[in-house]
N, C-alpha and C. Protein backbone atom coordinates (compact mmCIF):
# COMPACT_ATOMS: atom_id res chain seq x y z
N UNK A 1 0.83 -1.18 0.01
CA UNK A 1 -0.01 0.01 -0.01
C UNK A 1 0.88 1.23 0.01
N UNK A 2 0.62 2.16 -0.95
CA UNK A 2 1.41 3.37 -1.05
C UNK A 2 0.75 4.47 -0.23
N UNK A 3 1.55 5.17 0.57
CA UNK A 3 1.01 6.22 1.42
C UNK A 3 0.95 7.51 0.61
N UNK A 4 -0.18 8.16 0.61
CA UNK A 4 -0.38 9.41 -0.12
C UNK A 4 0.05 10.57 0.77
N UNK A 5 0.94 11.42 0.29
CA UNK A 5 1.38 12.58 1.07
C UNK A 5 0.61 13.81 0.59
N UNK A 6 0.63 14.84 1.42
CA UNK A 6 -0.08 16.06 1.08
C UNK A 6 0.49 16.70 -0.19
N UNK A 7 1.83 16.71 -0.30
CA UNK A 7 2.47 17.28 -1.46
C UNK A 7 3.39 16.23 -2.09
N UNK A 8 2.86 15.40 -2.97
CA UNK A 8 3.67 14.33 -3.53
C UNK A 8 4.80 14.88 -4.41
N UNK A 9 5.93 14.23 -4.35
CA UNK A 9 7.06 14.60 -5.20
C UNK A 9 6.94 13.83 -6.50
N UNK A 10 7.07 14.52 -7.63
CA UNK A 10 6.97 13.80 -8.90
C UNK A 10 8.07 12.77 -9.04
N UNK A 11 7.79 11.68 -9.66
CA UNK A 11 8.79 10.64 -9.88
C UNK A 11 9.02 10.50 -11.39
N UNK A 12 10.00 11.21 -11.92
CA UNK A 12 10.20 11.19 -13.36
C UNK A 12 10.69 9.82 -13.83
N UNK A 13 10.41 9.49 -15.05
CA UNK A 13 10.82 8.22 -15.60
C UNK A 13 12.18 8.34 -16.31
N UNK A 14 12.73 9.53 -16.39
CA UNK A 14 13.96 9.72 -17.10
C UNK A 14 15.21 9.70 -16.25
N UNK A 15 15.08 9.64 -14.96
CA UNK A 15 16.26 9.62 -14.13
C UNK A 15 16.03 10.31 -12.80
N UNK A 16 17.11 10.57 -12.11
CA UNK A 16 17.08 11.17 -10.77
C UNK A 16 16.84 12.69 -10.85
N UNK A 17 15.99 13.19 -9.97
CA UNK A 17 15.78 14.64 -9.83
C UNK A 17 16.33 15.04 -8.48
N UNK A 18 17.24 16.00 -8.48
CA UNK A 18 17.79 16.49 -7.23
C UNK A 18 16.73 17.37 -6.55
N UNK A 19 16.46 17.08 -5.29
CA UNK A 19 15.46 17.82 -4.53
C UNK A 19 16.17 18.70 -3.50
N UNK A 20 15.81 19.97 -3.48
CA UNK A 20 16.40 20.93 -2.57
C UNK A 20 15.29 21.49 -1.68
N UNK A 21 15.40 21.31 -0.36
CA UNK A 21 14.45 21.85 0.60
C UNK A 21 14.88 23.29 0.91
N UNK A 22 13.97 24.27 0.74
CA UNK A 22 14.33 25.66 0.92
C UNK A 22 13.44 26.31 1.99
N UNK A 23 13.93 27.41 2.54
CA UNK A 23 13.21 28.12 3.58
C UNK A 23 12.50 29.40 3.05
N UNK A 24 12.65 29.66 1.76
CA UNK A 24 12.12 30.89 1.17
C UNK A 24 11.33 30.55 -0.09
N UNK A 25 10.32 31.35 -0.39
CA UNK A 25 9.55 31.18 -1.61
C UNK A 25 10.27 31.74 -2.85
N UNK A 26 11.46 32.31 -2.66
CA UNK A 26 12.21 32.90 -3.78
C UNK A 26 13.63 32.38 -3.77
N UNK A 27 13.83 31.08 -4.03
CA UNK A 27 15.21 30.52 -4.05
C UNK A 27 15.92 30.88 -5.37
N UNK A 28 17.24 30.85 -5.35
CA UNK A 28 18.05 31.03 -6.53
C UNK A 28 18.66 29.70 -6.89
N UNK A 29 18.88 29.48 -8.19
CA UNK A 29 19.53 28.25 -8.66
C UNK A 29 20.59 28.62 -9.68
N UNK A 30 21.79 28.02 -9.52
CA UNK A 30 22.86 28.23 -10.50
C UNK A 30 23.39 26.88 -11.04
N UNK A 31 22.63 25.84 -10.80
CA UNK A 31 23.01 24.50 -11.24
C UNK A 31 23.87 23.75 -10.23
N UNK A 32 24.51 24.46 -9.32
CA UNK A 32 25.26 23.82 -8.25
C UNK A 32 26.55 23.17 -8.69
N UNK A 33 27.04 23.44 -9.87
CA UNK A 33 28.27 22.82 -10.32
C UNK A 33 29.35 23.84 -10.60
N UNK A 34 29.34 24.94 -9.88
CA UNK A 34 30.36 25.98 -10.07
C UNK A 34 30.37 26.49 -11.50
N UNK A 35 31.53 26.49 -12.11
CA UNK A 35 31.66 26.99 -13.48
C UNK A 35 30.92 26.12 -14.50
N UNK A 36 30.60 24.89 -14.11
CA UNK A 36 29.90 24.00 -15.02
C UNK A 36 28.38 24.10 -14.83
N UNK A 37 27.92 24.99 -14.01
CA UNK A 37 26.47 25.15 -13.76
C UNK A 37 25.79 25.93 -14.88
N UNK A 38 24.85 26.76 -14.52
CA UNK A 38 24.13 27.60 -15.48
C UNK A 38 23.97 28.99 -14.90
N UNK A 39 23.49 29.96 -15.69
CA UNK A 39 23.27 31.29 -15.14
C UNK A 39 22.35 31.24 -13.93
N UNK A 40 22.61 32.05 -12.93
CA UNK A 40 21.76 32.10 -11.73
C UNK A 40 20.37 32.64 -12.12
N UNK A 41 19.35 31.90 -11.72
CA UNK A 41 17.97 32.33 -11.93
C UNK A 41 17.26 32.33 -10.59
N UNK A 42 16.37 33.29 -10.42
CA UNK A 42 15.54 33.36 -9.21
C UNK A 42 14.22 32.72 -9.52
N UNK A 43 13.81 31.83 -8.67
CA UNK A 43 12.56 31.09 -8.88
C UNK A 43 11.50 31.60 -7.90
N UNK A 44 10.26 31.26 -8.16
CA UNK A 44 9.16 31.66 -7.29
C UNK A 44 8.35 30.40 -6.97
N UNK A 45 8.20 30.09 -5.70
CA UNK A 45 7.39 28.96 -5.28
C UNK A 45 6.02 29.51 -4.88
N UNK A 46 5.03 29.23 -5.72
CA UNK A 46 3.67 29.70 -5.47
C UNK A 46 2.95 28.87 -4.45
N UNK A 47 2.99 27.54 -4.62
CA UNK A 47 2.28 26.65 -3.71
C UNK A 47 3.28 26.00 -2.74
N UNK A 48 3.91 24.91 -3.19
CA UNK A 48 4.84 24.22 -2.32
C UNK A 48 6.12 23.75 -2.99
N UNK A 49 6.15 23.82 -4.33
CA UNK A 49 7.37 23.38 -5.03
C UNK A 49 7.44 24.02 -6.41
N UNK A 50 8.66 24.02 -6.98
CA UNK A 50 8.88 24.49 -8.34
C UNK A 50 10.12 23.82 -8.88
N UNK A 51 10.26 23.84 -10.22
CA UNK A 51 11.42 23.29 -10.89
C UNK A 51 12.27 24.40 -11.48
N UNK A 52 13.58 24.16 -11.53
CA UNK A 52 14.47 25.07 -12.23
C UNK A 52 14.36 24.77 -13.72
N UNK A 53 14.13 25.80 -14.57
CA UNK A 53 13.99 25.56 -16.00
C UNK A 53 15.28 25.13 -16.70
N UNK A 54 16.42 25.37 -16.08
CA UNK A 54 17.70 25.00 -16.65
C UNK A 54 18.10 23.56 -16.33
N UNK A 55 18.12 23.22 -15.02
CA UNK A 55 18.70 21.95 -14.62
C UNK A 55 17.66 20.97 -14.03
N UNK A 56 16.42 21.38 -13.97
CA UNK A 56 15.31 20.54 -13.47
C UNK A 56 15.42 20.16 -12.01
N UNK A 57 16.22 20.87 -11.23
CA UNK A 57 16.21 20.62 -9.78
C UNK A 57 14.83 20.93 -9.25
N UNK A 58 14.38 20.18 -8.29
CA UNK A 58 13.10 20.39 -7.67
C UNK A 58 13.32 21.16 -6.36
N UNK A 59 12.71 22.32 -6.23
CA UNK A 59 12.80 23.12 -5.01
C UNK A 59 11.49 22.98 -4.28
N UNK A 60 11.58 22.49 -3.02
CA UNK A 60 10.40 22.23 -2.20
C UNK A 60 10.47 23.16 -0.98
N UNK A 61 9.39 23.88 -0.73
CA UNK A 61 9.35 24.78 0.42
C UNK A 61 9.16 23.95 1.68
N UNK A 62 10.03 24.19 2.67
CA UNK A 62 9.94 23.51 3.94
C UNK A 62 8.60 23.88 4.57
N UNK A 63 7.81 22.90 5.02
CA UNK A 63 6.51 23.19 5.62
C UNK A 63 6.61 24.09 6.87
N UNK A 64 7.79 24.11 7.52
CA UNK A 64 7.98 24.92 8.72
C UNK A 64 8.54 26.30 8.42
N UNK A 65 8.72 26.63 7.14
CA UNK A 65 9.27 27.93 6.76
C UNK A 65 8.31 29.05 7.13
N UNK A 66 8.88 30.19 7.51
CA UNK A 66 8.06 31.36 7.86
C UNK A 66 7.60 32.01 6.58
N UNK A 67 6.33 32.36 6.50
CA UNK A 67 5.79 33.01 5.34
C UNK A 67 6.32 34.45 5.27
N UNK A 68 6.94 34.83 4.15
CA UNK A 68 7.54 36.14 4.00
C UNK A 68 6.50 37.23 4.01
N UNK A 69 5.25 36.93 3.63
CA UNK A 69 4.20 37.95 3.62
C UNK A 69 3.80 38.35 5.03
N UNK A 70 4.15 37.55 6.02
CA UNK A 70 3.79 37.83 7.40
C UNK A 70 4.70 38.88 8.03
N UNK A 71 5.82 39.24 7.37
CA UNK A 71 6.76 40.20 7.94
C UNK A 71 6.30 41.61 7.72
């Protein structure tokens, strides 16, 4: 029996997806490979997760993160 989570992580059929847990709804991604990465892009997490359009890293908002709108 498979347990259903509130925010399921996609399971791609093409390989491994690196998942990064973040504390902010506006994370930046540069590919994480130094000079072999990609240009830094700022992402926006609207609900609970988003993908980097360059490297397909999955950015998941930590459920315990403080909402920036509350500041």
